[in-house]
Every structure is written in C-alpha cells, then in structure tokens.
Amino acid sequence: MIGALAILYPVVAHLAVAHDNAHLAVASLVLLAAVVLLPGLVRGNAIAWTSSALVAVALVWVAGRDIAWLPLYAPPVVISFGMAWMFGQSLQAGRVALIERIVQLMHAPGDTIDAAIPPYARRLTLLWTLLFLALGLTNLALALCATPNGILLWLGVEPLITVPRQVWSLFANLLNYVILGAFFVVEYIYRRYRFPQQPYKNMLDFIRRASAIGPRLLSEARERA
C-alpha cells in the first residue's frame, strides 16, 4: 500500500505540473502525506493523527492560493539529501558502511563472506552517497531557477538562468528514478559477475530481501544519528 502510494506520488506531481493543474498538485501532496503518516495512523499514533489534522488544514489553505506548487519542490531535494546522509554517515571512521551492513544481514550467521566484498561495499556506499548528493543539488538548482512559480521568482529574485517548471518536474519526478534504477541495474549486473556466489537467487530475490531488512537499517541509522 505505502509502496504504491510512493510510486504514484511523483507521477501525479508531474501530471500536475505538465497540465498546470493546481488540484492535481494538491492531490499529489495528499499522496505524499499519506506515505509519511499512514503507518503511524494505522498504529493509532497520536502524533500522526495530530499531524494529519494540521496537514489537512494546510492543504485546504494552500489549495485556495497560488502557492500550491511550492511544496512540490521540497520532496525531491529532501529525499535525495536524506538518502545521501543515510549512506554517507555510515562511512565515518569506525562504522560499518551501509552496503556492507546490508551484505552482513543478507548472509546467514556464520556464513563466510568474500574478503573482497567489504572494501567493494564501502566504495559502492560512497558512490551511492555521491549520486544522491548530485541529484539533490540538481533538484535544488532546478527548483530555484524554475519558471513560472520557481522558488527564486516567488521570493522576488530574478534568477540568472531560468528553466521551465516542466523541465524541473521531468527531472525531479521522473528522471531521478530512471537514473537511480539504471545505476542499480548496472551495478547489480557487475556485482553478479564479480561476486557470483550470493545468498540471493536473482534481482527480484535481492530486492525482496533488501526490503525485508530495510526497517532494521532505518532503525540502526536513527540510533546512530
């Protein structure tokens, strides 16, 4: 359910921009709020329910004004920088690189892990960090320079360079994920060639296992923060 909403959000956000439709822009924000708050709502978390009420009021207020586009600029930047932080903070001295930790969790206790994998996993963690950082900076630059309704223009500052808002959306809501998917597929193919002995059978099995250990990784990251 959450995964489907997460996939639907950038599609609706891009359609909102492509068709200059403020109602779709608000609908995309509703989807994003659901992705963030729904797990807490299901658990009956008081903070989630209070936040939902505040978000609903904010969306009603935004819907009646010409600023419905502004909140759409934030998610691609925040998500990219957030992921860069998650990968990058694990590279600090004395810590296990995030991808090395994934490798450890995917292997059964007592399994022998190829000695070449930990340094490879650390370099790969760095590459993911740099990729997310580059995407975040690009998303931010395009959002600042977008026209109409870009961040700088909204602040009354004329940017030196402008790009159509549709170009920002195409990159932030669609090409971002194409780039990430392409990097993942290429790296996976190379990894299977370099390290053929793996605990997973194929890419789908790898994604399934990685998804299963995702909550544990997030919990560990929060504890270290």
C-alpha atoms as a PDB file:
ATOM      1  CA  MET A   1       0.000   0.000   0.000  1.00  0.00           C
ATOM      2  CA  ILE A   2       2.677   2.502   1.055  1.00  0.00           C
ATOM      3  CA  GLY A   3       4.866   1.442  -1.857  1.00  0.00           C
ATOM      4  CA  ALA A   4       2.058   2.003  -4.350  1.00  0.00           C
ATOM      5  CA  LEU A   5       1.354   5.475  -2.943  1.00  0.00           C
ATOM      6  CA  ALA A   6       5.057   6.315  -3.060  1.00  0.00           C
ATOM      7  CA  ILE A   7       5.218   5.333  -6.728  1.00  0.00           C
ATOM      8  CA  LEU A   8       2.002   7.214  -7.537  1.00  0.00           C
ATOM      9  CA  TYR A   9       3.126  10.467  -5.898  1.00  0.00           C
ATOM     10  CA  PRO A  10       5.795  11.582  -8.442  1.00  0.00           C
ATOM     11  CA  VAL A  11       3.536  10.571 -11.333  1.00  0.00           C
ATOM     12  CA  VAL A  12       0.669  12.734 -10.081  1.00  0.00           C
ATOM     13  CA  ALA A  13       3.081  15.546  -9.204  1.00  0.00           C
ATOM     14  CA  HIS A  14       4.477  15.553 -12.734  1.00  0.00           C
ATOM     15  CA  LEU A  15       0.996  15.454 -14.270  1.00  0.00           C
ATOM     16  CA  ALA A  16       0.064  18.441 -12.113  1.00  0.00           C
ATOM     17  CA  VAL A  17       2.994  20.424 -13.487  1.00  0.00           C
ATOM     18  CA  ALA A  18       2.609  19.211 -17.079  1.00  0.00           C
ATOM     19  CA  HIS A  19      -1.064  20.222 -17.141  1.00  0.00           C
ATOM     20  CA  ASP A  20      -0.668  23.271 -14.883  1.00  0.00           C
ATOM     21  CA  ASN A  21      -3.346  21.828 -12.617  1.00  0.00           C
ATOM     22  CA  ALA A  22      -3.346  23.092  -9.031  1.00  0.00           C
ATOM     23  CA  HIS A  23      -5.897  20.471  -7.982  1.00  0.00           C
ATOM     24  CA  LEU A  24      -3.543  17.681  -9.060  1.00  0.00           C
ATOM     25  CA  ALA A  25      -0.737  19.453  -7.215  1.00  0.00           C
ATOM     26  CA  VAL A  26      -2.763  19.305  -4.007  1.00  0.00           C
ATOM     27  CA  ALA A  27      -3.695  15.671  -4.736  1.00  0.00           C
ATOM     28  CA  SER A  28      -0.010  14.788  -5.040  1.00  0.00           C
ATOM     29  CA  LEU A  29       0.648  16.421  -1.673  1.00  0.00           C
ATOM     30  CA  VAL A  30      -2.162  14.330  -0.174  1.00  0.00           C
ATOM     31  CA  LEU A  31      -0.454  11.210  -1.532  1.00  0.00           C
ATOM     32  CA  LEU A  32       2.881  12.291  -0.062  1.00  0.00           C
ATOM     33  CA  ALA A  33       1.310  12.998   3.317  1.00  0.00           C
ATOM     34  CA  ALA A  34      -0.303   9.553   3.237  1.00  0.00           C
ATOM     35  CA  VAL A  35       3.059   7.892   2.560  1.00  0.00           C
ATOM     36  CA  VAL A  36       4.598   9.630   5.558  1.00  0.00           C
ATOM     37  CA  LEU A  37       1.698   9.473   8.019  1.00  0.00           C
ATOM     38  CA  LEU A  38      -0.252   6.313   7.155  1.00  0.00           C
ATOM     39  CA  PRO A  39       1.955   3.880   9.141  1.00  0.00           C
ATOM     40  CA  GLY A  40       1.502   5.997  12.262  1.00  0.00           C
ATOM     41  CA  LEU A  41      -2.225   6.393  11.649  1.00  0.00           C
ATOM     42  CA  VAL A  42      -2.639   2.626  11.378  1.00  0.00           C
ATOM     43  CA  ARG A  43      -0.825   2.199  14.713  1.00  0.00           C
ATOM     44  CA  GLY A  44      -3.074   4.833  16.297  1.00  0.00           C
ATOM     45  CA  ASN A  45      -0.122   7.145  16.965  1.00  0.00           C
ATOM     46  CA  ALA A  46      -1.378  10.407  18.464  1.00  0.00           C
ATOM     47  CA  ILE A  47       1.356  12.484  16.808  1.00  0.00           C
ATOM     48  CA  ALA A  48       0.447  11.048  13.394  1.00  0.00           C
ATOM     49  CA  TRP A  49      -3.232  11.837  13.870  1.00  0.00           C
ATOM     50  CA  THR A  50      -2.467  15.370  15.080  1.00  0.00           C
ATOM     51  CA  SER A  51      -0.090  15.884  12.160  1.00  0.00           C
ATOM     52  CA  SER A  52      -2.765  14.654   9.759  1.00  0.00           C
ATOM     53  CA  ALA A  53      -5.181  17.280  11.022  1.00  0.00           C
ATOM     54  CA  LEU A  54      -2.555  20.019  10.642  1.00  0.00           C
ATOM     55  CA  VAL A  55      -1.641  18.807   7.144  1.00  0.00           C
ATOM     56  CA  ALA A  56      -5.314  18.777   6.138  1.00  0.00           C
ATOM     57  CA  VAL A  57      -5.742  22.384   7.293  1.00  0.00           C
ATOM     58  CA  ALA A  58      -2.544  23.410   5.484  1.00  0.00           C
ATOM     59  CA  LEU A  59      -3.655  21.744   2.254  1.00  0.00           C
ATOM     60  CA  VAL A  60      -7.035  23.452   2.360  1.00  0.00           C
ATOM     61  CA  TRP A  61      -5.254  26.774   2.847  1.00  0.00           C
ATOM     62  CA  VAL A  62      -2.757  26.090   0.047  1.00  0.00           C
ATOM     63  CA  ALA A  63      -5.479  24.926  -2.366  1.00  0.00           C
ATOM     64  CA  GLY A  64      -7.047  28.354  -2.441  1.00  0.00           C
ATOM     65  CA  ARG A  65      -3.824  30.211  -3.231  1.00  0.00           C
ATOM     66  CA  ASP A  66      -1.230  30.423  -5.967  1.00  0.00           C
ATOM     67  CA  ILE A  67       1.436  28.655  -3.900  1.00  0.00           C
ATOM     68  CA  ALA A  68       0.278  25.065  -4.352  1.00  0.00           C
ATOM     69  CA  TRP A  69       3.414  24.471  -6.426  1.00  0.00           C
ATOM     70  CA  LEU A  70       5.933  25.463  -3.780  1.00  0.00           C
ATOM     71  CA  PRO A  71       5.614  22.352  -1.553  1.00  0.00           C
ATOM     72  CA  LEU A  72       6.283  20.157  -4.613  1.00  0.00           C
ATOM     73  CA  TYR A  73       9.851  21.450  -4.840  1.00  0.00           C
ATOM     74  CA  ALA A  74      10.806  20.100  -1.417  1.00  0.00           C
ATOM     75  CA  PRO A  75      10.396  16.275  -1.614  1.00  0.00           C
ATOM     76  CA  PRO A  76      12.951  15.562  -4.391  1.00  0.00           C
ATOM     77  CA  VAL A  77      15.545  17.678  -2.571  1.00  0.00           C
ATOM     78  CA  VAL A  78      14.797  16.393   0.931  1.00  0.00           C
ATOM     79  CA  ILE A  79      14.642  12.742  -0.160  1.00  0.00           C
ATOM     80  CA  SER A  80      17.887  12.940  -2.155  1.00  0.00           C
ATOM     81  CA  PHE A  81      19.815  14.693   0.613  1.00  0.00           C
ATOM     82  CA  GLY A  82      18.269  12.390   3.206  1.00  0.00           C
ATOM     83  CA  MET A  83      19.441   9.320   1.315  1.00  0.00           C
ATOM     84  CA  ALA A  84      22.880  10.878   0.802  1.00  0.00           C
ATOM     85  CA  TRP A  85      23.083  11.405   4.560  1.00  0.00           C
ATOM     86  CA  MET A  86      21.949   7.850   5.290  1.00  0.00           C
ATOM     87  CA  PHE A  87      24.646   6.364   3.055  1.00  0.00           C
ATOM     88  CA  GLY A  88      27.308   8.943   3.876  1.00  0.00           C
ATOM     89  CA  GLN A  89      27.100   8.856   7.663  1.00  0.00           C
ATOM     90  CA  SER A  90      27.879   5.133   7.599  1.00  0.00           C
ATOM     91  CA  LEU A  91      31.265   5.942   6.028  1.00  0.00           C
ATOM     92  CA  GLN A  92      32.535   7.629   9.168  1.00  0.00           C
ATOM     93  CA  ALA A  93      35.591   6.091  10.795  1.00  0.00           C
ATOM     94  CA  GLY A  94      34.741   3.128  12.968  1.00  0.00           C
ATOM     95  CA  ARG A  95      31.360   2.492  11.358  1.00  0.00           C
ATOM     96  CA  VAL A  96      30.238  -0.265   9.017  1.00  0.00           C
ATOM     97  CA  ALA A  97      29.389   1.078   5.558  1.00  0.00           C
ATOM     98  CA  LEU A  98      25.671   0.806   4.827  1.00  0.00           C
ATOM     99  CA  ILE A  99      26.032  -1.614   1.923  1.00  0.00           C
ATOM    100  CA  GLU A 100      28.468  -3.758   3.896  1.00  0.00           C
ATOM    101  CA  ARG A 101      25.807  -3.904   6.628  1.00  0.00           C
ATOM    102  CA  ILE A 102      23.250  -4.990   4.025  1.00  0.00           C
ATOM    103  CA  VAL A 103      25.630  -7.757   2.957  1.00  0.00           C
ATOM    104  CA  GLN A 104      26.005  -8.902   6.566  1.00  0.00           C
ATOM    105  CA  LEU A 105      22.250  -9.028   7.121  1.00  0.00           C
ATOM    106  CA  MET A 106      21.622 -10.919   3.889  1.00  0.00           C
ATOM    107  CA  HIS A 107      24.049 -13.676   4.832  1.00  0.00           C
ATOM    108  CA  ALA A 108      23.113 -16.233   7.436  1.00  0.00           C
ATOM    109  CA  PRO A 109      25.043 -16.070  10.728  1.00  0.00           C
ATOM    110  CA  GLY A 110      28.301 -17.943  10.347  1.00  0.00           C
ATOM    111  CA  ASP A 111      28.441 -17.606   6.558  1.00  0.00           C
ATOM    112  CA  THR A 112      31.853 -16.817   5.117  1.00  0.00           C
ATOM    113  CA  ILE A 113      31.891 -13.512   3.251  1.00  0.00           C
ATOM    114  CA  ASP A 114      34.441 -12.965   0.482  1.00  0.00           C
ATOM    115  CA  ALA A 115      37.244 -10.751   1.853  1.00  0.00           C
ATOM    116  CA  ALA A 116      36.983  -8.535  -1.258  1.00  0.00           C
ATOM    117  CA  ILE A 117      33.341  -7.651  -0.549  1.00  0.00           C
ATOM    118  CA  PRO A 118      33.754  -5.225   2.426  1.00  0.00           C
ATOM    119  CA  PRO A 119      36.091  -2.784   0.575  1.00  0.00           C
ATOM    120  CA  TYR A 120      33.879  -3.057  -2.526  1.00  0.00           C
ATOM    121  CA  ALA A 121      30.788  -2.379  -0.394  1.00  0.00           C
ATOM    122  CA  ARG A 122      32.444   0.671   1.140  1.00  0.00           C
ATOM    123  CA  ARG A 123      33.338   2.116  -2.271  1.00  0.00           C
ATOM    124  CA  LEU A 124      29.812   1.392  -3.503  1.00  0.00           C
ATOM    125  CA  THR A 125      28.350   3.148  -0.460  1.00  0.00           C
ATOM    126  CA  LEU A 126      30.441   6.198  -1.359  1.00  0.00           C
ATOM    127  CA  LEU A 127      29.189   6.090  -4.964  1.00  0.00           C
ATOM    128  CA  TRP A 128      25.561   5.970  -3.814  1.00  0.00           C
ATOM    129  CA  THR A 129      26.260   8.894  -1.469  1.00  0.00           C
ATOM    130  CA  LEU A 130      27.719  10.973  -4.286  1.00  0.00           C
ATOM    131  CA  LEU A 131      24.881  10.048  -6.660  1.00  0.00           C
ATOM    132  CA  PHE A 132      22.177  11.086  -4.195  1.00  0.00           C
ATOM    133  CA  LEU A 133      24.093  14.274  -3.385  1.00  0.00           C
ATOM    134  CA  ALA A 134      24.380  15.135  -7.095  1.00  0.00           C
ATOM    135  CA  LEU A 135      20.663  14.515  -7.632  1.00  0.00           C
ATOM    136  CA  GLY A 136      19.766  16.621  -4.613  1.00  0.00           C
ATOM    137  CA  LEU A 137      21.881  19.541  -5.792  1.00  0.00           C
ATOM    138  CA  THR A 138      20.444  19.300  -9.305  1.00  0.00           C
ATOM    139  CA  ASN A 139      16.875  19.164  -7.977  1.00  0.00           C
ATOM    140  CA  LEU A 140      17.560  22.209  -5.797  1.00  0.00           C
ATOM    141  CA  ALA A 141      19.165  24.197  -8.634  1.00  0.00           C
ATOM    142  CA  LEU A 142      16.267  23.481 -10.995  1.00  0.00           C
ATOM    143  CA  ALA A 143      13.698  24.342  -8.320  1.00  0.00           C
ATOM    144  CA  LEU A 144      15.422  27.668  -7.648  1.00  0.00           C
ATOM    145  CA  CYS A 145      15.516  28.574 -11.342  1.00  0.00           C
ATOM    146  CA  ALA A 146      12.122  27.204 -12.406  1.00  0.00           C
ATOM    147  CA  THR A 147       9.631  29.466 -14.140  1.00  0.00           C
ATOM    148  CA  PRO A 148       6.883  30.258 -13.502  1.00  0.00           C
ATOM    149  CA  ASN A 149       6.443  29.853  -9.739  1.00  0.00           C
ATOM    150  CA  GLY A 150      10.054  28.873  -9.064  1.00  0.00           C
ATOM    151  CA  ILE A 151      11.484  29.448  -5.598  1.00  0.00           C
ATOM    152  CA  LEU A 152      13.640  32.469  -6.525  1.00  0.00           C
ATOM    153  CA  LEU A 153      10.855  34.102  -8.516  1.00  0.00           C
ATOM    154  CA  TRP A 154       8.460  33.525  -5.628  1.00  0.00           C
ATOM    155  CA  LEU A 155      10.974  35.301  -3.373  1.00  0.00           C
ATOM    156  CA  GLY A 156      11.132  38.196  -5.814  1.00  0.00           C
ATOM    157  CA  VAL A 157      14.634  37.365  -7.065  1.00  0.00           C
ATOM    158  CA  GLU A 158      15.282  37.150 -10.806  1.00  0.00           C
ATOM    159  CA  PRO A 159      17.483  34.080 -11.438  1.00  0.00           C
ATOM    160  CA  LEU A 160      20.406  34.404 -13.847  1.00  0.00           C
ATOM    161  CA  ILE A 161      19.190  31.311 -15.662  1.00  0.00           C
ATOM    162  CA  THR A 162      15.614  30.049 -15.851  1.00  0.00           C
ATOM    163  CA  VAL A 163      14.221  26.662 -16.796  1.00  0.00           C
ATOM    164  CA  PRO A 164      10.590  25.788 -17.492  1.00  0.00           C
ATOM    165  CA  ARG A 165       8.850  24.271 -14.499  1.00  0.00           C
ATOM    166  CA  GLN A 166       8.072  21.241 -16.677  1.00  0.00           C
ATOM    167  CA  VAL A 167      11.817  20.609 -17.073  1.00  0.00           C
ATOM    168  CA  TRP A 168      12.279  20.669 -13.310  1.00  0.00           C
ATOM    169  CA  SER A 169       9.399  18.232 -12.862  1.00  0.00           C
ATOM    170  CA  LEU A 170      10.609  15.906 -15.607  1.00  0.00           C
ATOM    171  CA  PHE A 171      13.959  15.596 -13.859  1.00  0.00           C
ATOM    172  CA  ALA A 172      12.782  15.649 -10.234  1.00  0.00           C
ATOM    173  CA  ASN A 173       9.744  13.401 -10.552  1.00  0.00           C
ATOM    174  CA  LEU A 174      10.758  11.030 -13.357  1.00  0.00           C
ATOM    175  CA  LEU A 175      14.395  11.115 -14.490  1.00  0.00           C
ATOM    176  CA  ASN A 176      15.628  10.941 -10.891  1.00  0.00           C
ATOM    177  CA  TYR A 177      14.188   7.468 -10.586  1.00  0.00           C
ATOM    178  CA  VAL A 178      15.343   6.412 -14.053  1.00  0.00           C
ATOM    179  CA  ILE A 179      18.916   7.381 -13.141  1.00  0.00           C
ATOM    180  CA  LEU A 180      18.733   5.559  -9.806  1.00  0.00           C
ATOM    181  CA  GLY A 181      17.209   2.474 -11.432  1.00  0.00           C
ATOM    182  CA  ALA A 182      19.830   2.407 -14.190  1.00  0.00           C
ATOM    183  CA  PHE A 183      22.662   2.720 -11.665  1.00  0.00           C
ATOM    184  CA  PHE A 184      21.165  -0.072  -9.564  1.00  0.00           C
ATOM    185  CA  VAL A 185      20.752  -2.436 -12.545  1.00  0.00           C
ATOM    186  CA  VAL A 186      24.243  -1.804 -13.942  1.00  0.00           C
ATOM    187  CA  GLU A 187      25.856  -2.265 -10.533  1.00  0.00           C
ATOM    188  CA  TYR A 188      23.833  -5.426  -9.884  1.00  0.00           C
ATOM    189  CA  ILE A 189      24.959  -6.969 -13.181  1.00  0.00           C
ATOM    190  CA  TYR A 190      28.594  -6.120 -12.435  1.00  0.00           C
ATOM    191  CA  ARG A 191      28.285  -7.445  -8.860  1.00  0.00           C
ATOM    192  CA  ARG A 192      26.901 -10.782 -10.052  1.00  0.00           C
ATOM    193  CA  TYR A 193      29.831 -11.047 -12.447  1.00  0.00           C
ATOM    194  CA  ARG A 194      32.442 -10.091  -9.836  1.00  0.00           C
ATOM    195  CA  PHE A 195      30.911 -11.967  -6.888  1.00  0.00           C
ATOM    196  CA  PRO A 196      28.879 -14.837  -8.369  1.00  0.00           C
ATOM    197  CA  GLN A 197      28.351 -16.572  -5.015  1.00  0.00           C
ATOM    198  CA  GLN A 198      25.500 -14.665  -3.405  1.00  0.00           C
ATOM    199  CA  PRO A 199      22.775 -15.642  -0.909  1.00  0.00           C
ATOM    200  CA  TYR A 200      20.033 -14.379  -3.240  1.00  0.00           C
ATOM    201  CA  LYS A 201      18.887 -16.087  -6.430  1.00  0.00           C
ATOM    202  CA  ASN A 202      18.210 -13.133  -8.721  1.00  0.00           C
ATOM    203  CA  MET A 203      17.427  -9.410  -8.733  1.00  0.00           C
ATOM    204  CA  LEU A 204      13.852  -9.864  -7.529  1.00  0.00           C
ATOM    205  CA  ASP A 205      15.042 -12.029  -4.660  1.00  0.00           C
ATOM    206  CA  PHE A 206      17.654  -9.403  -3.788  1.00  0.00           C
ATOM    207  CA  ILE A 207      15.025  -6.632  -3.774  1.00  0.00           C
ATOM    208  CA  ARG A 208      12.718  -8.761  -1.620  1.00  0.00           C
ATOM    209  CA  ARG A 209      15.466  -9.459   0.914  1.00  0.00           C
ATOM    210  CA  ALA A 210      16.648  -5.837   0.920  1.00  0.00           C
ATOM    211  CA  SER A 211      13.078  -4.633   1.523  1.00  0.00           C
ATOM    212  CA  ALA A 212      12.734  -7.040   4.435  1.00  0.00           C
ATOM    213  CA  ILE A 213      15.811  -5.687   6.211  1.00  0.00           C
ATOM    214  CA  GLY A 214      15.015  -2.042   5.376  1.00  0.00           C
ATOM    215  CA  PRO A 215      13.199  -1.252   8.663  1.00  0.00           C
ATOM    216  CA  ARG A 216      16.138  -2.626  10.654  1.00  0.00           C
ATOM    217  CA  LEU A 217      18.594  -0.470   8.701  1.00  0.00           C
ATOM    218  CA  LEU A 218      16.458   2.636   9.289  1.00  0.00           C
ATOM    219  CA  SER A 219      16.251   1.850  12.987  1.00  0.00           C
ATOM    220  CA  GLU A 220      20.026   1.451  13.227  1.00  0.00           C
ATOM    221  CA  ALA A 221      20.552   4.724  11.336  1.00  0.00           C
ATOM    222  CA  ARG A 222      18.248   6.596  13.723  1.00  0.00           C
ATOM    223  CA  GLU A 223      20.084   5.157  16.732  1.00  0.00           C
ATOM    224  CA  ARG A 224      23.419   6.388  15.354  1.00  0.00           C
ATOM    225  CA  ALA A 225      22.096   9.855  14.478  1.00  0.00           C
END
